[in-house]
């Protein structure tokens, strides 16, 4: 996710991850995620997807102009 954050004009990163991975990130690595968001001024959205198994994942990068303010 950080590699995608570094790219120019990135506004949001949406990561669909296996449920166990998403749960780990949201519970154990919350501070690291918040640090990434603040450092790169990017919104990170983590979506648990029960249809994915480790090590599969999907990352979608949205440019600043594509991110809604909702």
C-alpha atoms as a PDB file:
ATOM      1  CA  UNK A   1       0.000   0.000   0.000  1.00  0.00           C
ATOM      2  CA  UNK A   2       2.842   2.369   0.763  1.00  0.00           C
ATOM      3  CA  UNK A   3       4.304   1.901  -2.720  1.00  0.00           C
ATOM      4  CA  UNK A   4       0.999   3.078  -4.183  1.00  0.00           C
ATOM      5  CA  UNK A   5       0.849   6.015  -1.729  1.00  0.00           C
ATOM      6  CA  UNK A   6       4.202   7.299  -2.935  1.00  0.00           C
ATOM      7  CA  UNK A   7       3.044   7.720  -6.536  1.00  0.00           C
ATOM      8  CA  UNK A   8       2.251  11.260  -7.679  1.00  0.00           C
ATOM      9  CA  UNK A   9      -1.277  12.613  -7.400  1.00  0.00           C
ATOM     10  CA  UNK A  10      -2.597   9.690  -5.326  1.00  0.00           C
ATOM     11  CA  UNK A  11      -5.719  10.544  -3.338  1.00  0.00           C
ATOM     12  CA  UNK A  12      -6.964   7.172  -2.133  1.00  0.00           C
ATOM     13  CA  UNK A  13      -5.830   3.567  -1.954  1.00  0.00           C
ATOM     14  CA  UNK A  14      -8.466   0.845  -1.733  1.00  0.00           C
ATOM     15  CA  UNK A  15      -7.124  -2.524  -0.649  1.00  0.00           C
ATOM     16  CA  UNK A  16      -9.311  -5.630  -0.776  1.00  0.00           C
ATOM     17  CA  UNK A  17      -7.677  -8.244   1.401  1.00  0.00           C
ATOM     18  CA  UNK A  18      -8.481 -11.653   2.880  1.00  0.00           C
ATOM     19  CA  UNK A  19     -10.495 -11.221   6.078  1.00  0.00           C
ATOM     20  CA  UNK A  20      -7.660 -12.381   8.354  1.00  0.00           C
ATOM     21  CA  UNK A  21      -5.161  -9.956   6.791  1.00  0.00           C
ATOM     22  CA  UNK A  22      -7.589  -7.027   6.880  1.00  0.00           C
ATOM     23  CA  UNK A  23      -8.453  -7.779  10.510  1.00  0.00           C
ATOM     24  CA  UNK A  24      -4.768  -7.886  11.453  1.00  0.00           C
ATOM     25  CA  UNK A  25      -4.066  -4.555   9.763  1.00  0.00           C
ATOM     26  CA  UNK A  26      -7.091  -2.820  11.249  1.00  0.00           C
ATOM     27  CA  UNK A  27      -6.491  -4.129  14.770  1.00  0.00           C
ATOM     28  CA  UNK A  28      -2.731  -4.498  15.135  1.00  0.00           C
ATOM     29  CA  UNK A  29      -1.339  -2.012  12.613  1.00  0.00           C
ATOM     30  CA  UNK A  30      -3.850   0.830  12.940  1.00  0.00           C
ATOM     31  CA  UNK A  31      -1.181   3.342  14.020  1.00  0.00           C
ATOM     32  CA  UNK A  32       1.018   2.440  11.046  1.00  0.00           C
ATOM     33  CA  UNK A  33      -1.913   2.948   8.685  1.00  0.00           C
ATOM     34  CA  UNK A  34      -2.678   6.337  10.228  1.00  0.00           C
ATOM     35  CA  UNK A  35       0.983   7.316   9.921  1.00  0.00           C
ATOM     36  CA  UNK A  36       0.975   6.396   6.216  1.00  0.00           C
ATOM     37  CA  UNK A  37      -2.188   8.414   5.644  1.00  0.00           C
ATOM     38  CA  UNK A  38      -0.738  11.479   7.367  1.00  0.00           C
ATOM     39  CA  UNK A  39       2.719  11.237   5.803  1.00  0.00           C
ATOM     40  CA  UNK A  40       1.494  10.887   2.224  1.00  0.00           C
ATOM     41  CA  UNK A  41      -1.840  12.742   2.608  1.00  0.00           C
ATOM     42  CA  UNK A  42      -3.675   9.732   1.182  1.00  0.00           C
ATOM     43  CA  UNK A  43      -6.801   7.964   2.400  1.00  0.00           C
ATOM     44  CA  UNK A  44      -6.337   4.212   2.901  1.00  0.00           C
ATOM     45  CA  UNK A  45      -9.473   2.085   2.656  1.00  0.00           C
ATOM     46  CA  UNK A  46      -9.140  -1.522   3.806  1.00  0.00           C
ATOM     47  CA  UNK A  47     -11.920  -3.868   2.717  1.00  0.00           C
ATOM     48  CA  UNK A  48     -12.094  -7.435   4.078  1.00  0.00           C
ATOM     49  CA  UNK A  49     -13.060  -9.751   1.210  1.00  0.00           C
ATOM     50  CA  UNK A  50     -14.135 -13.289   2.196  1.00  0.00           C
ATOM     51  CA  UNK A  51     -13.676 -14.414  -1.425  1.00  0.00           C
ATOM     52  CA  UNK A  52      -9.916 -13.846  -1.294  1.00  0.00           C
ATOM     53  CA  UNK A  53      -7.433 -16.284   0.219  1.00  0.00           C
ATOM     54  CA  UNK A  54      -3.912 -15.436   1.351  1.00  0.00           C
ATOM     55  CA  UNK A  55      -1.725 -14.372  -0.498  1.00  0.00           C
ATOM     56  CA  UNK A  56      -4.278 -12.914  -2.963  1.00  0.00           C
ATOM     57  CA  UNK A  57      -5.210  -9.223  -2.725  1.00  0.00           C
ATOM     58  CA  UNK A  58      -6.434  -6.346  -4.886  1.00  0.00           C
ATOM     59  CA  UNK A  59      -5.212  -2.766  -4.672  1.00  0.00           C
ATOM     60  CA  UNK A  60      -6.924   0.083  -6.481  1.00  0.00           C
ATOM     61  CA  UNK A  61      -5.248   3.495  -6.663  1.00  0.00           C
ATOM     62  CA  UNK A  62      -7.401   6.573  -7.192  1.00  0.00           C
ATOM     63  CA  UNK A  63      -6.020   9.953  -8.183  1.00  0.00           C
ATOM     64  CA  UNK A  64      -6.857  12.987  -6.070  1.00  0.00           C
ATOM     65  CA  UNK A  65      -9.327  14.196  -8.709  1.00  0.00           C
ATOM     66  CA  UNK A  66     -11.221  10.862  -8.602  1.00  0.00           C
ATOM     67  CA  UNK A  67     -11.816  10.818  -4.830  1.00  0.00           C
ATOM     68  CA  UNK A  68     -15.193  12.027  -3.618  1.00  0.00           C
ATOM     69  CA  UNK A  69     -15.446  14.094  -0.467  1.00  0.00           C
ATOM     70  CA  UNK A  70     -18.001  11.716   1.143  1.00  0.00           C
END
